Amino acid sequence: MKAKRICVLIGIFILTLIPNYLIYRRVIYSYLAFIRSFYLFKFINTPYFVIAYLILGGIYFMTVFNQLLNKKLHKNLITRSFLFYCFILIFILFFKSVGIRGYEWNVFKLIEYLRYDTTAALINISLFIPMGLFIKRLDVKTILLSIAMLFGIEAIQYIFSLGIFDLLDILLNFFGLLIGYQLRRFIKSQNIIIE
């Protein structure tokens, strides 16, 4: 039984290498490049940083998966993960495109967007999956508050020249919230204890 568990965890570690590498290339590397610090940029471009990032990411996902298998999630892990998530979310939403201002009202570009920039669409969806885990009940009030929050984020980006106001982003982010809500329901149905 223990050998099987170890094999599963090693498999999870290996499976997370590709998405973690994509996150590194499409999110970390490209967003930190905006800071334009030569030394920071040179550091994040080294193989040592990439390998350390992939190992730490794999260990994190192995830990979470192991706790899910044991049906016990630790509060410390949840708290630290949420704080790290909030830090990354704030950086991506409000500091990645400083000085850029615009708007995109065409929601029907979704098919074209998915065809040419699938990774960006997946990032927009996955950004709000953790936030969706905190939705306790999905009713009209929650849906309207969620849409208002996403609309407010896009409006702040436009008003303060921190990015482009994009209705498609609101749609993809809302889809991420719904996935997070469904994940919460699944975790609850598995009788996973938070201790």
C-alpha atoms as a PDB file:
ATOM      1  CA  MET A   1       0.000   0.000   0.000  1.00  0.00           C
ATOM      2  CA  LYS A   2       2.799   2.408   0.901  1.00  0.00           C
ATOM      3  CA  ALA A   3       4.683   1.573  -2.317  1.00  0.00           C
ATOM      4  CA  LYS A   4       1.516   2.263  -4.330  1.00  0.00           C
ATOM      5  CA  ARG A   5       1.058   5.629  -2.581  1.00  0.00           C
ATOM      6  CA  ILE A   6       4.691   6.569  -3.295  1.00  0.00           C
ATOM      7  CA  CYS A   7       4.286   5.627  -6.972  1.00  0.00           C
ATOM      8  CA  VAL A   8       1.120   7.756  -7.215  1.00  0.00           C
ATOM      9  CA  LEU A   9       2.867  10.742  -5.592  1.00  0.00           C
ATOM     10  CA  ILE A  10       5.869  10.407  -7.916  1.00  0.00           C
ATOM     11  CA  GLY A  11       3.420  10.247 -10.836  1.00  0.00           C
ATOM     12  CA  ILE A  12       1.742  13.452  -9.604  1.00  0.00           C
ATOM     13  CA  PHE A  13       5.166  15.093  -9.336  1.00  0.00           C
ATOM     14  CA  ILE A  14       6.002  14.129 -12.938  1.00  0.00           C
ATOM     15  CA  LEU A  15       2.565  15.180 -14.246  1.00  0.00           C
ATOM     16  CA  THR A  16       2.935  18.637 -12.678  1.00  0.00           C
ATOM     17  CA  LEU A  17       6.238  19.330 -14.433  1.00  0.00           C
ATOM     18  CA  ILE A  18       4.640  20.329 -17.767  1.00  0.00           C
ATOM     19  CA  PRO A  19       1.938  22.681 -16.381  1.00  0.00           C
ATOM     20  CA  ASN A  20       4.445  24.158 -13.918  1.00  0.00           C
ATOM     21  CA  TYR A  21       6.900  24.798 -16.740  1.00  0.00           C
ATOM     22  CA  LEU A  22       4.138  26.461 -18.800  1.00  0.00           C
ATOM     23  CA  ILE A  23       3.237  28.615 -15.789  1.00  0.00           C
ATOM     24  CA  TYR A  24       6.904  29.562 -15.461  1.00  0.00           C
ATOM     25  CA  ARG A  25       7.276  30.506 -19.149  1.00  0.00           C
ATOM     26  CA  ARG A  26       3.904  32.208 -19.647  1.00  0.00           C
ATOM     27  CA  VAL A  27       3.374  33.825 -16.246  1.00  0.00           C
ATOM     28  CA  ILE A  28       6.444  34.136 -14.042  1.00  0.00           C
ATOM     29  CA  TYR A  29       9.052  34.729 -16.737  1.00  0.00           C
ATOM     30  CA  SER A  30       6.966  37.084 -18.868  1.00  0.00           C
ATOM     31  CA  TYR A  31       5.532  39.086 -15.956  1.00  0.00           C
ATOM     32  CA  LEU A  32       8.836  39.479 -14.121  1.00  0.00           C
ATOM     33  CA  ALA A  33      10.373  40.640 -17.398  1.00  0.00           C
ATOM     34  CA  PHE A  34       8.135  43.733 -17.065  1.00  0.00           C
ATOM     35  CA  ILE A  35      10.079  44.771 -13.957  1.00  0.00           C
ATOM     36  CA  ARG A  36      13.113  45.252 -16.225  1.00  0.00           C
ATOM     37  CA  SER A  37      15.664  44.614 -13.514  1.00  0.00           C
ATOM     38  CA  PHE A  38      18.698  43.163 -15.286  1.00  0.00           C
ATOM     39  CA  TYR A  39      19.864  41.118 -12.286  1.00  0.00           C
ATOM     40  CA  LEU A  40      16.385  39.753 -11.470  1.00  0.00           C
ATOM     41  CA  PHE A  41      15.735  38.922 -15.115  1.00  0.00           C
ATOM     42  CA  LYS A  42      19.139  37.222 -15.408  1.00  0.00           C
ATOM     43  CA  PHE A  43      18.418  35.211 -12.224  1.00  0.00           C
ATOM     44  CA  ILE A  44      14.976  33.946 -13.279  1.00  0.00           C
ATOM     45  CA  ASN A  45      16.421  32.935 -16.651  1.00  0.00           C
ATOM     46  CA  THR A  46      18.994  30.533 -15.149  1.00  0.00           C
ATOM     47  CA  PRO A  47      18.496  26.759 -15.269  1.00  0.00           C
ATOM     48  CA  TYR A  48      18.999  26.660 -11.462  1.00  0.00           C
ATOM     49  CA  PHE A  49      15.947  28.873 -10.890  1.00  0.00           C
ATOM     50  CA  VAL A  50      13.813  26.865 -13.340  1.00  0.00           C
ATOM     51  CA  ILE A  51      14.828  23.523 -11.791  1.00  0.00           C
ATOM     52  CA  ALA A  52      14.275  24.828  -8.229  1.00  0.00           C
ATOM     53  CA  TYR A  53      10.863  26.228  -9.250  1.00  0.00           C
ATOM     54  CA  LEU A  54       9.803  22.935 -10.868  1.00  0.00           C
ATOM     55  CA  ILE A  55      10.948  20.878  -7.864  1.00  0.00           C
ATOM     56  CA  LEU A  56       9.212  23.163  -5.334  1.00  0.00           C
ATOM     57  CA  GLY A  57       6.023  23.235  -7.432  1.00  0.00           C
ATOM     58  CA  GLY A  58       6.043  19.446  -7.728  1.00  0.00           C
ATOM     59  CA  ILE A  59       6.576  19.018  -3.981  1.00  0.00           C
ATOM     60  CA  TYR A  60       3.722  21.430  -3.250  1.00  0.00           C
ATOM     61  CA  PHE A  61       1.267  19.533  -5.474  1.00  0.00           C
ATOM     62  CA  MET A  62       2.457  16.185  -4.088  1.00  0.00           C
ATOM     63  CA  THR A  63       1.803  17.484  -0.558  1.00  0.00           C
ATOM     64  CA  VAL A  64      -1.694  18.720  -1.427  1.00  0.00           C
ATOM     65  CA  PHE A  65      -2.556  15.484  -3.237  1.00  0.00           C
ATOM     66  CA  ASN A  66      -1.211  13.380  -0.347  1.00  0.00           C
ATOM     67  CA  GLN A  67      -3.378  15.316   2.118  1.00  0.00           C
ATOM     68  CA  LEU A  68      -6.395  14.841  -0.159  1.00  0.00           C
ATOM     69  CA  LEU A  69      -5.708  11.089  -0.270  1.00  0.00           C
ATOM     70  CA  ASN A  70      -5.538  11.074   3.549  1.00  0.00           C
ATOM     71  CA  LYS A  71      -8.797  13.118   3.596  1.00  0.00           C
ATOM     72  CA  LYS A  72      -7.156  15.686   5.897  1.00  0.00           C
ATOM     73  CA  LEU A  73      -6.176  19.166   4.727  1.00  0.00           C
ATOM     74  CA  HIS A  74      -4.007  21.199   7.099  1.00  0.00           C
ATOM     75  CA  LYS A  75      -5.133  24.772   7.849  1.00  0.00           C
ATOM     76  CA  ASN A  76      -1.543  26.057   7.698  1.00  0.00           C
ATOM     77  CA  LEU A  77      -1.166  24.813   4.123  1.00  0.00           C
ATOM     78  CA  ILE A  78      -4.494  26.374   3.129  1.00  0.00           C
ATOM     79  CA  THR A  79      -3.654  29.715   4.778  1.00  0.00           C
ATOM     80  CA  ARG A  80      -0.165  29.962   3.260  1.00  0.00           C
ATOM     81  CA  SER A  81      -1.423  28.872  -0.140  1.00  0.00           C
ATOM     82  CA  PHE A  82      -4.197  31.484  -0.046  1.00  0.00           C
ATOM     83  CA  LEU A  83      -1.819  34.294   0.984  1.00  0.00           C
ATOM     84  CA  PHE A  84       0.597  33.348  -1.800  1.00  0.00           C
ATOM     85  CA  TYR A  85      -2.324  33.144  -4.235  1.00  0.00           C
ATOM     86  CA  CYS A  86      -3.557  36.638  -3.226  1.00  0.00           C
ATOM     87  CA  PHE A  87      -0.061  38.083  -3.695  1.00  0.00           C
ATOM     88  CA  ILE A  88       0.274  36.533  -7.170  1.00  0.00           C
ATOM     89  CA  LEU A  89      -3.282  37.537  -8.135  1.00  0.00           C
ATOM     90  CA  ILE A  90      -2.751  41.180  -7.143  1.00  0.00           C
ATOM     91  CA  PHE A  91       0.542  41.268  -9.052  1.00  0.00           C
ATOM     92  CA  ILE A  92      -0.968  39.746 -12.212  1.00  0.00           C
ATOM     93  CA  LEU A  93      -4.123  41.882 -12.132  1.00  0.00           C
ATOM     94  CA  PHE A  94      -2.628  45.253 -11.250  1.00  0.00           C
ATOM     95  CA  PHE A  95       1.123  45.311 -11.961  1.00  0.00           C
ATOM     96  CA  LYS A  96       1.715  43.269 -15.129  1.00  0.00           C
ATOM     97  CA  SER A  97       0.555  45.897 -17.645  1.00  0.00           C
ATOM     98  CA  VAL A  98       1.275  49.249 -15.994  1.00  0.00           C
ATOM     99  CA  GLY A  99       0.871  52.069 -18.516  1.00  0.00           C
ATOM    100  CA  ILE A 100      -1.402  50.111 -20.860  1.00  0.00           C
ATOM    101  CA  ARG A 101      -4.989  51.220 -21.317  1.00  0.00           C
ATOM    102  CA  GLY A 102      -7.712  50.009 -23.628  1.00  0.00           C
ATOM    103  CA  TYR A 103     -10.936  48.100 -23.875  1.00  0.00           C
ATOM    104  CA  GLU A 104     -12.347  45.106 -25.726  1.00  0.00           C
ATOM    105  CA  TRP A 105     -16.105  44.670 -25.835  1.00  0.00           C
ATOM    106  CA  ASN A 106     -16.359  41.773 -28.281  1.00  0.00           C
ATOM    107  CA  VAL A 107     -17.155  38.621 -26.305  1.00  0.00           C
ATOM    108  CA  PHE A 108     -17.567  36.666 -29.549  1.00  0.00           C
ATOM    109  CA  LYS A 109     -13.790  36.635 -30.044  1.00  0.00           C
ATOM    110  CA  LEU A 110     -13.699  33.667 -27.658  1.00  0.00           C
ATOM    111  CA  ILE A 111     -13.244  31.072 -30.412  1.00  0.00           C
ATOM    112  CA  GLU A 112     -10.483  33.118 -32.052  1.00  0.00           C
ATOM    113  CA  TYR A 113      -8.889  33.721 -28.616  1.00  0.00           C
ATOM    114  CA  LEU A 114      -8.957  30.011 -27.751  1.00  0.00           C
ATOM    115  CA  ARG A 115      -7.512  29.135 -31.146  1.00  0.00           C
ATOM    116  CA  TYR A 116      -4.552  31.516 -31.072  1.00  0.00           C
ATOM    117  CA  ASP A 117      -3.822  31.980 -27.388  1.00  0.00           C
ATOM    118  CA  THR A 118      -5.114  28.941 -25.524  1.00  0.00           C
ATOM    119  CA  THR A 119      -2.572  29.309 -22.709  1.00  0.00           C
ATOM    120  CA  ALA A 120      -3.710  32.878 -21.936  1.00  0.00           C
ATOM    121  CA  ALA A 121      -7.348  31.705 -21.870  1.00  0.00           C
ATOM    122  CA  LEU A 122      -6.446  28.870 -19.474  1.00  0.00           C
ATOM    123  CA  ILE A 123      -4.523  31.315 -17.254  1.00  0.00           C
ATOM    124  CA  ASN A 124      -7.560  33.625 -17.160  1.00  0.00           C
ATOM    125  CA  ILE A 125      -9.752  30.706 -16.124  1.00  0.00           C
ATOM    126  CA  SER A 126      -7.329  29.273 -13.558  1.00  0.00           C
ATOM    127  CA  LEU A 127      -6.665  32.665 -11.912  1.00  0.00           C
ATOM    128  CA  PHE A 128     -10.032  32.565 -10.153  1.00  0.00           C
ATOM    129  CA  ILE A 129     -10.443  28.848  -9.450  1.00  0.00           C
ATOM    130  CA  PRO A 130      -8.972  29.236  -5.910  1.00  0.00           C
ATOM    131  CA  MET A 131     -11.348  32.153  -5.257  1.00  0.00           C
ATOM    132  CA  GLY A 132     -14.271  29.950  -6.303  1.00  0.00           C
ATOM    133  CA  LEU A 133     -13.367  27.500  -3.534  1.00  0.00           C
ATOM    134  CA  PHE A 134     -14.648  30.092  -1.044  1.00  0.00           C
ATOM    135  CA  ILE A 135     -18.139  30.341  -2.575  1.00  0.00           C
ATOM    136  CA  LYS A 136     -20.402  28.545  -0.117  1.00  0.00           C
ATOM    137  CA  ARG A 137     -23.666  28.789  -2.051  1.00  0.00           C
ATOM    138  CA  LEU A 138     -24.329  29.613  -5.686  1.00  0.00           C
ATOM    139  CA  ASP A 139     -27.404  31.789  -5.906  1.00  0.00           C
ATOM    140  CA  VAL A 140     -28.399  34.911  -7.854  1.00  0.00           C
ATOM    141  CA  LYS A 141     -26.880  37.252  -5.235  1.00  0.00           C
ATOM    142  CA  THR A 142     -23.527  35.421  -5.313  1.00  0.00           C
ATOM    143  CA  ILE A 143     -23.476  35.409  -9.118  1.00  0.00           C
ATOM    144  CA  LEU A 144     -24.221  39.148  -9.280  1.00  0.00           C
ATOM    145  CA  LEU A 145     -21.583  39.951  -6.616  1.00  0.00           C
ATOM    146  CA  SER A 146     -19.011  37.833  -8.470  1.00  0.00           C
ATOM    147  CA  ILE A 147     -19.710  39.554 -11.781  1.00  0.00           C
ATOM    148  CA  ALA A 148     -19.611  42.972 -10.056  1.00  0.00           C
ATOM    149  CA  MET A 149     -16.219  42.103  -8.491  1.00  0.00           C
ATOM    150  CA  LEU A 150     -14.782  40.980 -11.843  1.00  0.00           C
ATOM    151  CA  PHE A 151     -16.261  44.044 -13.565  1.00  0.00           C
ATOM    152  CA  GLY A 152     -14.684  46.239 -10.851  1.00  0.00           C
ATOM    153  CA  ILE A 153     -11.253  44.643 -11.369  1.00  0.00           C
ATOM    154  CA  GLU A 154     -11.414  45.292 -15.107  1.00  0.00           C
ATOM    155  CA  ALA A 155     -12.639  48.868 -14.482  1.00  0.00           C
ATOM    156  CA  ILE A 156      -9.726  49.560 -12.086  1.00  0.00           C
ATOM    157  CA  GLN A 157      -7.306  48.251 -14.717  1.00  0.00           C
ATOM    158  CA  TYR A 158      -8.803  50.625 -17.297  1.00  0.00           C
ATOM    159  CA  ILE A 159      -9.140  53.705 -15.057  1.00  0.00           C
ATOM    160  CA  PHE A 160      -5.596  53.549 -13.674  1.00  0.00           C
ATOM    161  CA  SER A 161      -3.957  52.376 -16.952  1.00  0.00           C
ATOM    162  CA  LEU A 162      -3.111  48.964 -15.519  1.00  0.00           C
ATOM    163  CA  GLY A 163      -4.397  46.907 -18.423  1.00  0.00           C
ATOM    164  CA  ILE A 164      -7.208  46.405 -20.875  1.00  0.00           C
ATOM    165  CA  PHE A 165     -10.879  46.294 -19.888  1.00  0.00           C
ATOM    166  CA  ASP A 166     -11.926  43.049 -21.556  1.00  0.00           C
ATOM    167  CA  LEU A 167     -15.401  41.505 -21.318  1.00  0.00           C
ATOM    168  CA  LEU A 168     -13.911  38.170 -22.397  1.00  0.00           C
ATOM    169  CA  ASP A 169     -11.624  38.239 -19.334  1.00  0.00           C
ATOM    170  CA  ILE A 170     -14.702  38.701 -17.126  1.00  0.00           C
ATOM    171  CA  LEU A 171     -16.366  35.716 -18.790  1.00  0.00           C
ATOM    172  CA  LEU A 172     -13.275  33.464 -18.436  1.00  0.00           C
ATOM    173  CA  ASN A 173     -12.629  34.575 -14.842  1.00  0.00           C
ATOM    174  CA  PHE A 174     -16.259  33.869 -13.944  1.00  0.00           C
ATOM    175  CA  PHE A 175     -15.927  30.409 -15.499  1.00  0.00           C
ATOM    176  CA  GLY A 176     -12.899  29.895 -13.203  1.00  0.00           C
ATOM    177  CA  LEU A 177     -15.021  30.867 -10.180  1.00  0.00           C
ATOM    178  CA  LEU A 178     -17.633  28.272 -11.194  1.00  0.00           C
ATOM    179  CA  ILE A 179     -14.958  25.566 -11.515  1.00  0.00           C
ATOM    180  CA  GLY A 180     -13.674  26.483  -8.040  1.00  0.00           C
ATOM    181  CA  TYR A 181     -17.201  26.249  -6.634  1.00  0.00           C
ATOM    182  CA  GLN A 182     -17.638  22.779  -8.184  1.00  0.00           C
ATOM    183  CA  LEU A 183     -14.255  21.723  -6.726  1.00  0.00           C
ATOM    184  CA  ARG A 184     -15.446  22.863  -3.292  1.00  0.00           C
ATOM    185  CA  ARG A 185     -18.591  20.745  -3.664  1.00  0.00           C
ATOM    186  CA  PHE A 186     -16.504  17.756  -4.728  1.00  0.00           C
ATOM    187  CA  ILE A 187     -14.106  18.159  -1.759  1.00  0.00           C
ATOM    188  CA  LYS A 188     -17.104  18.438   0.589  1.00  0.00           C
ATOM    189  CA  SER A 189     -18.664  15.297  -0.889  1.00  0.00           C
ATOM    190  CA  GLN A 190     -15.445  13.350  -0.198  1.00  0.00           C
ATOM    191  CA  ASN A 191     -15.674  14.102   3.568  1.00  0.00           C
ATOM    192  CA  ILE A 192     -12.259  15.767   3.620  1.00  0.00           C
ATOM    193  CA  ILE A 193     -11.488  17.226   7.052  1.00  0.00           C
ATOM    194  CA  ILE A 194      -9.706  20.557   7.483  1.00  0.00           C
ATOM    195  CA  GLU A 195      -7.609  20.435  10.638  1.00  0.00           C
END
